[in-house]
Protein backbone atom coordinates (compact mmCIF):
# COMPACT_ATOMS: atom_id res chain seq x y z
CA MET A 1 -94.05 -9.27 -101.83
CA SER A 2 -91.16 -11.45 -102.96
CA TYR A 3 -90.10 -11.95 -106.56
CA GLU A 4 -87.48 -13.97 -108.43
CA THR A 5 -87.34 -12.30 -111.86
CA ILE A 6 -88.17 -8.70 -111.00
CA GLN A 7 -87.40 -6.32 -108.17
CA PHE A 8 -90.14 -4.20 -106.63
CA GLU A 9 -89.47 -1.25 -104.38
CA ARG A 10 -91.19 1.89 -103.14
CA ASP A 11 -89.74 5.39 -103.13
CA GLY A 12 -92.51 7.20 -101.30
CA ALA A 13 -95.55 7.25 -103.61
CA VAL A 14 -93.48 5.95 -106.54
CA ALA A 15 -93.23 2.22 -107.25
CA ILE A 16 -90.10 1.06 -109.11
CA ILE A 17 -90.17 -2.25 -110.98
CA ARG A 18 -86.86 -3.59 -112.32
CA LEU A 19 -86.61 -6.52 -114.71
CA ASN A 20 -84.04 -8.63 -112.90
CA ARG A 21 -82.58 -11.38 -115.06
CA PRO A 22 -79.42 -9.55 -116.15
CA GLU A 23 -77.58 -12.82 -116.74
CA ALA A 24 -80.24 -13.61 -119.38
CA ALA A 25 -80.47 -10.07 -120.78
CA ASN A 26 -83.70 -9.60 -118.78
CA SER A 27 -85.45 -11.89 -121.25
CA LEU A 28 -89.07 -12.77 -120.59
CA ASN A 29 -90.12 -16.20 -119.35
CA ALA A 30 -93.38 -17.44 -117.85
CA LEU A 31 -92.38 -16.56 -114.30
CA MET A 32 -91.45 -12.99 -115.25
CA SER A 33 -94.81 -12.51 -116.95
CA GLU A 34 -96.57 -13.82 -113.82
CA GLU A 35 -94.57 -11.52 -111.58
CA LEU A 36 -95.14 -8.49 -113.82
CA LEU A 37 -98.87 -9.14 -113.61
CA LYS A 38 -98.66 -9.48 -109.83
CA ALA A 39 -96.77 -6.18 -109.56
CA ALA A 40 -99.08 -4.40 -112.00
CA THR A 41 -102.16 -5.58 -110.13
CA HIS A 42 -100.69 -4.33 -106.86
CA CYS A 43 -99.90 -0.93 -108.39
CA ASP A 44 -103.42 -0.70 -109.81
CA SER A 45 -105.01 -1.67 -106.48
CA ASN A 46 -102.96 0.38 -104.02
CA PRO A 47 -104.05 4.05 -103.86
CA GLU A 48 -100.81 4.95 -102.07
CA ILE A 49 -98.93 4.24 -105.33
CA ARG A 50 -99.30 7.36 -107.47
CA ALA A 51 -96.63 6.74 -110.12
CA VAL A 52 -94.89 3.62 -111.44
CA VAL A 53 -91.48 3.24 -113.10
CA LEU A 54 -90.38 0.20 -115.13
CA THR A 55 -86.71 -0.33 -115.96
CA GLY A 56 -84.14 -3.11 -116.23
CA ASN A 57 -81.14 -4.19 -114.19
CA GLY A 58 -77.81 -4.60 -115.93
CA ARG A 59 -76.79 -3.45 -119.40
CA MET A 60 -80.00 -4.31 -121.25
CA PHE A 61 -83.59 -3.26 -120.76
CA CYS A 62 -85.01 -6.52 -122.15
CA ALA A 63 -83.87 -8.78 -125.00
CA GLY A 64 -87.40 -10.09 -125.59
CA GLY A 65 -88.63 -13.60 -125.03
CA ASP A 66 -86.30 -16.18 -123.48
CA LEU A 67 -85.76 -18.25 -126.63
CA MET A 68 -83.56 -20.77 -124.81
CA THR A 69 -86.39 -21.54 -122.40
CA PHE A 70 -88.91 -21.60 -125.23
CA ALA A 71 -86.83 -24.11 -127.19
CA ALA A 72 -86.43 -26.32 -124.09
CA GLN A 73 -90.20 -26.86 -123.96
CA GLY A 74 -90.13 -29.15 -126.99
CA ASP A 75 -93.65 -30.04 -128.05
CA GLY A 76 -94.99 -27.83 -125.26
CA MET A 77 -93.44 -24.68 -126.71
CA SER A 78 -96.68 -23.26 -128.12
CA GLU A 79 -98.57 -23.74 -124.85
CA TYR A 80 -95.69 -22.23 -122.85
CA ILE A 81 -95.55 -19.15 -125.10
CA ARG A 82 -99.34 -18.78 -124.95
CA TYR A 83 -99.19 -18.80 -121.14
CA THR A 84 -96.25 -16.37 -121.06
CA THR A 85 -97.89 -13.83 -123.36
CA THR A 86 -101.18 -14.06 -121.46
CA GLY A 87 -99.54 -12.84 -118.25
CA LEU A 88 -97.53 -10.15 -120.02
CA HIS A 89 -100.57 -8.83 -121.86
CA ALA A 90 -102.64 -8.67 -118.68
CA ALA A 91 -99.84 -6.73 -116.96
CA ILE A 92 -99.60 -4.24 -119.84
CA ALA A 93 -103.36 -3.71 -119.73
CA ARG A 94 -103.18 -2.99 -115.99
CA PHE A 95 -100.38 -0.46 -116.46
CA ALA A 96 -102.22 1.22 -119.33
CA ARG A 97 -105.52 1.67 -117.48
CA MET A 98 -104.50 2.21 -113.87
CA ASN A 99 -104.75 5.71 -112.40
CA ALA A 100 -101.05 6.10 -111.62
CA PRO A 101 -98.86 7.45 -114.45
CA TYR A 102 -96.62 4.74 -115.87
CA LEU A 103 -93.06 5.71 -116.83
CA VAL A 104 -90.59 3.46 -118.65
CA ALA A 105 -86.83 4.01 -118.29
CA VAL A 106 -85.12 2.19 -121.16
CA ASN A 107 -81.64 1.64 -119.74
CA GLY A 108 -80.22 -0.41 -122.64
CA THR A 109 -81.23 -2.44 -125.66
CA ALA A 110 -84.96 -3.12 -126.02
CA ALA A 111 -85.58 -5.98 -128.45
CA GLY A 112 -88.65 -8.06 -129.28
CA ALA A 113 -91.00 -8.03 -126.30
CA GLY A 114 -88.59 -5.58 -124.71
CA PHE A 115 -89.31 -3.15 -127.55
CA SER A 116 -93.04 -3.74 -127.08
CA MET A 117 -92.86 -3.13 -123.32
CA ALA A 118 -90.65 -0.07 -123.75
CA ILE A 119 -93.21 1.85 -125.80
CA THR A 120 -96.19 1.10 -123.53
CA GLY A 121 -95.27 3.83 -121.06
CA ASP A 122 -97.37 6.93 -120.57
CA LEU A 123 -93.96 8.59 -120.70
CA VAL A 124 -90.85 6.87 -122.06
CA PHE A 125 -87.26 7.92 -121.28
CA ALA A 126 -84.26 6.34 -122.98
CA ALA A 127 -80.62 6.25 -121.99
CA ALA A 128 -78.43 7.73 -124.71
CA SER A 129 -76.88 4.30 -125.34
CA ALA A 130 -80.23 2.50 -125.65
CA LYS A 131 -81.18 0.75 -128.87
CA PHE A 132 -84.54 -0.47 -130.16
CA THR A 133 -85.26 -3.34 -132.55
CA GLU A 134 -88.32 -5.46 -133.24
CA ALA A 135 -86.29 -8.67 -133.82
CA TYR A 136 -89.36 -10.93 -133.87
CA THR A 137 -89.23 -11.99 -137.51
CA ASN A 138 -85.51 -12.79 -137.16
CA ALA A 139 -86.75 -15.64 -134.93
CA GLY A 140 -89.57 -16.54 -137.30
CA VAL A 141 -92.34 -15.19 -135.08
CA SER A 142 -94.72 -12.23 -135.05
CA PRO A 143 -94.86 -9.39 -132.49
CA ASP A 144 -96.59 -9.62 -129.12
CA GLY A 145 -96.61 -7.54 -125.94
CA SER A 146 -99.03 -4.99 -127.48
CA GLY A 147 -96.44 -4.00 -130.10
CA THR A 148 -98.91 -4.12 -132.97
CA TYR A 149 -101.24 -1.81 -131.00
CA PHE A 150 -98.84 0.88 -129.84
CA LEU A 151 -96.26 0.89 -132.63
CA PRO A 152 -98.50 1.94 -135.56
CA ARG A 153 -100.21 4.51 -133.35
CA LEU A 154 -96.85 6.08 -132.57
CA VAL A 155 -95.08 5.93 -135.94
CA GLY A 156 -97.80 5.07 -138.48
CA ARG A 157 -98.42 1.84 -140.39
CA VAL A 158 -95.64 2.33 -142.97
CA LYS A 159 -92.83 2.77 -140.46
CA ALA A 160 -94.27 0.11 -138.15
CA MET A 161 -94.22 -2.40 -141.00
CA GLN A 162 -90.66 -1.39 -141.85
CA LEU A 163 -89.49 -1.98 -138.28
CA ILE A 164 -91.25 -5.36 -138.09
CA LEU A 165 -90.17 -6.69 -141.49
CA MET A 166 -86.67 -5.20 -141.71
CA ASN A 167 -85.71 -5.37 -138.01
CA ASP A 168 -83.98 -2.00 -138.19
CA VAL A 169 -81.98 -1.06 -135.10
CA LEU A 170 -82.84 2.44 -133.91
CA THR A 171 -80.58 4.48 -131.68
CA ALA A 172 -82.13 6.35 -128.79
CA GLN A 173 -81.93 9.58 -130.79
CA GLN A 174 -83.67 7.95 -133.75
CA ALA A 175 -86.35 6.59 -131.43
CA LEU A 176 -86.89 10.14 -130.18
CA GLU A 177 -87.14 11.47 -133.74
CA TRP A 178 -89.63 8.71 -134.66
CA GLY A 179 -91.82 9.56 -131.67
CA LEU A 180 -91.18 6.36 -129.72
CA VAL A 181 -89.72 8.06 -126.65
CA ASN A 182 -90.28 11.38 -124.91
CA GLU A 183 -86.72 12.15 -123.88
CA VAL A 184 -83.16 10.89 -124.28
CA VAL A 185 -81.04 11.19 -121.14
CA PRO A 186 -77.32 10.58 -120.48
CA ASP A 187 -76.89 7.05 -119.19
CA ASP A 188 -75.74 8.11 -115.74
CA ARG A 189 -78.70 10.49 -115.34
CA LEU A 190 -81.50 8.24 -116.54
CA MET A 191 -83.02 7.09 -113.24
CA ALA A 192 -82.50 10.45 -111.56
CA ARG A 193 -84.42 12.16 -114.36
CA VAL A 194 -87.19 9.56 -114.46
CA LEU A 195 -87.65 9.63 -110.69
CA GLU A 196 -87.74 13.42 -110.76
CA VAL A 197 -90.66 13.29 -113.20
CA ALA A 198 -92.30 10.37 -111.38
CA HIS A 199 -92.32 12.20 -108.05
CA ARG A 200 -93.71 15.33 -109.69
CA LEU A 201 -96.56 13.29 -111.18
CA ALA A 202 -97.05 11.40 -107.89
CA SER A 203 -97.94 14.71 -106.25
CA GLY A 204 -100.56 15.45 -108.89
CA PRO A 205 -104.27 14.62 -109.42
CA THR A 206 -104.01 10.84 -109.68
CA LEU A 207 -107.68 10.19 -110.46
CA ALA A 208 -107.64 12.78 -113.26
CA TYR A 209 -104.53 11.14 -114.70
CA GLY A 210 -106.34 7.81 -114.72
CA GLU A 211 -109.38 9.20 -116.54
CA ALA A 212 -107.13 10.85 -119.12
CA LYS A 213 -105.19 7.60 -119.68
CA ARG A 214 -108.35 5.60 -120.25
CA LEU A 215 -109.86 8.22 -122.56
CA LEU A 216 -106.74 8.19 -124.73
CA ALA A 217 -106.54 4.39 -124.71
CA ASP A 218 -110.05 4.12 -126.15
CA SER A 219 -110.01 7.11 -128.48
CA HIS A 220 -108.98 5.22 -131.63
CA SER A 221 -111.94 2.85 -131.46
CA ASN A 222 -114.69 5.38 -130.69
CA THR A 223 -116.65 7.78 -132.85
CA LEU A 224 -116.30 11.49 -132.17
CA GLU A 225 -119.69 11.61 -130.45
CA THR A 226 -118.94 8.55 -128.29
CA GLN A 227 -115.56 9.96 -127.27
CA MET A 228 -117.06 13.33 -126.34
CA GLU A 229 -119.75 11.63 -124.25
CA LEU A 230 -117.04 9.69 -122.41
CA GLU A 231 -115.17 12.95 -121.83
CA THR A 232 -118.32 14.52 -120.38
CA ARG A 233 -118.88 11.57 -118.06
CA ALA A 234 -115.24 11.56 -116.95
CA ILE A 235 -114.94 15.25 -116.11
CA ALA A 236 -118.37 15.37 -114.46
CA GLY A 237 -117.59 12.22 -112.51
CA LEU A 238 -114.35 13.69 -111.23
CA THR A 239 -116.06 16.83 -109.96
CA ARG A 240 -118.60 14.61 -108.19
CA HIS A 241 -116.32 11.93 -106.75
CA SER A 242 -112.79 13.41 -106.56
CA GLU A 243 -111.76 15.60 -103.65
CA ASP A 244 -108.78 16.74 -105.71
CA ALA A 245 -110.97 18.03 -108.52
CA ARG A 246 -113.37 19.92 -106.26
CA ASN A 247 -110.62 21.41 -104.11
CA ALA A 248 -108.47 22.41 -107.10
CA ILE A 249 -111.34 24.22 -108.81
CA VAL A 250 -112.03 26.17 -105.62
CA ALA A 251 -108.30 26.90 -105.18
CA PHE A 252 -107.97 28.23 -108.73
CA SER A 253 -111.05 30.40 -108.27
CA ARG A 254 -109.30 31.94 -105.26
CA LYS A 255 -105.99 32.27 -107.16
CA GLU A 256 -104.41 29.72 -104.81
CA LYS A 257 -102.15 26.79 -105.71
CA PRO A 258 -104.01 23.48 -105.30
CA THR A 259 -102.64 20.56 -103.30
CA PHE A 260 -103.46 17.10 -104.64
CA LYS A 261 -103.87 14.09 -102.39
CA GLY A 262 -104.64 11.48 -105.02
CA ARG A 263 -108.30 11.07 -104.12
């Protein structure tokens, strides 16, 4: 697969996606949203991919939407933005519900849609120099990129509203304290640490990871009884359809260490 605005590579069972418009602060345009959706769909469809990492090239993770390109659309700006967000949102949905764990490595400033994308990871790692800011209302617009879904679930409505209205700039350490990231890593160790975790997860029970991701994604909109029924169906389905689940249960019963093949 060839791309213009992102880079896609494989490191064994780990797929690495890099936002690749460093000259434009990795800002999001329509082509990048299309290519993110293409990459996400491939990761979701390919059983050989058992973990996915998203990061940025250059000094910034992502500065948000490409406002220069938006402004250049003139009267077509609204349609262009609608098309751009549609691709981005479909990509985020793929990452959220695919089986493979999805890790985000925030290598620099994450602003606007970059902030939204940064906090969508199943696990989020930030370079020590990274910064986070909503920035949307500074440009007279409201959040997109799933920000209004994930942000209040991570920090609560009060702090989410503060970040959106006040456009506070959080350091990586503050983002950790607020519960937006899992770990802060020295800049020069970020990718090594993320890939270490990604490869560990890529050797795990991929189908079980996928069921857990989908259960968590839906938990806020279900009743207790509905959620427990979905849990029953998921765990029973795994023991019926997943070789990993059946083999691991037998291995544990024999006090042996299970080996997971992702199926």
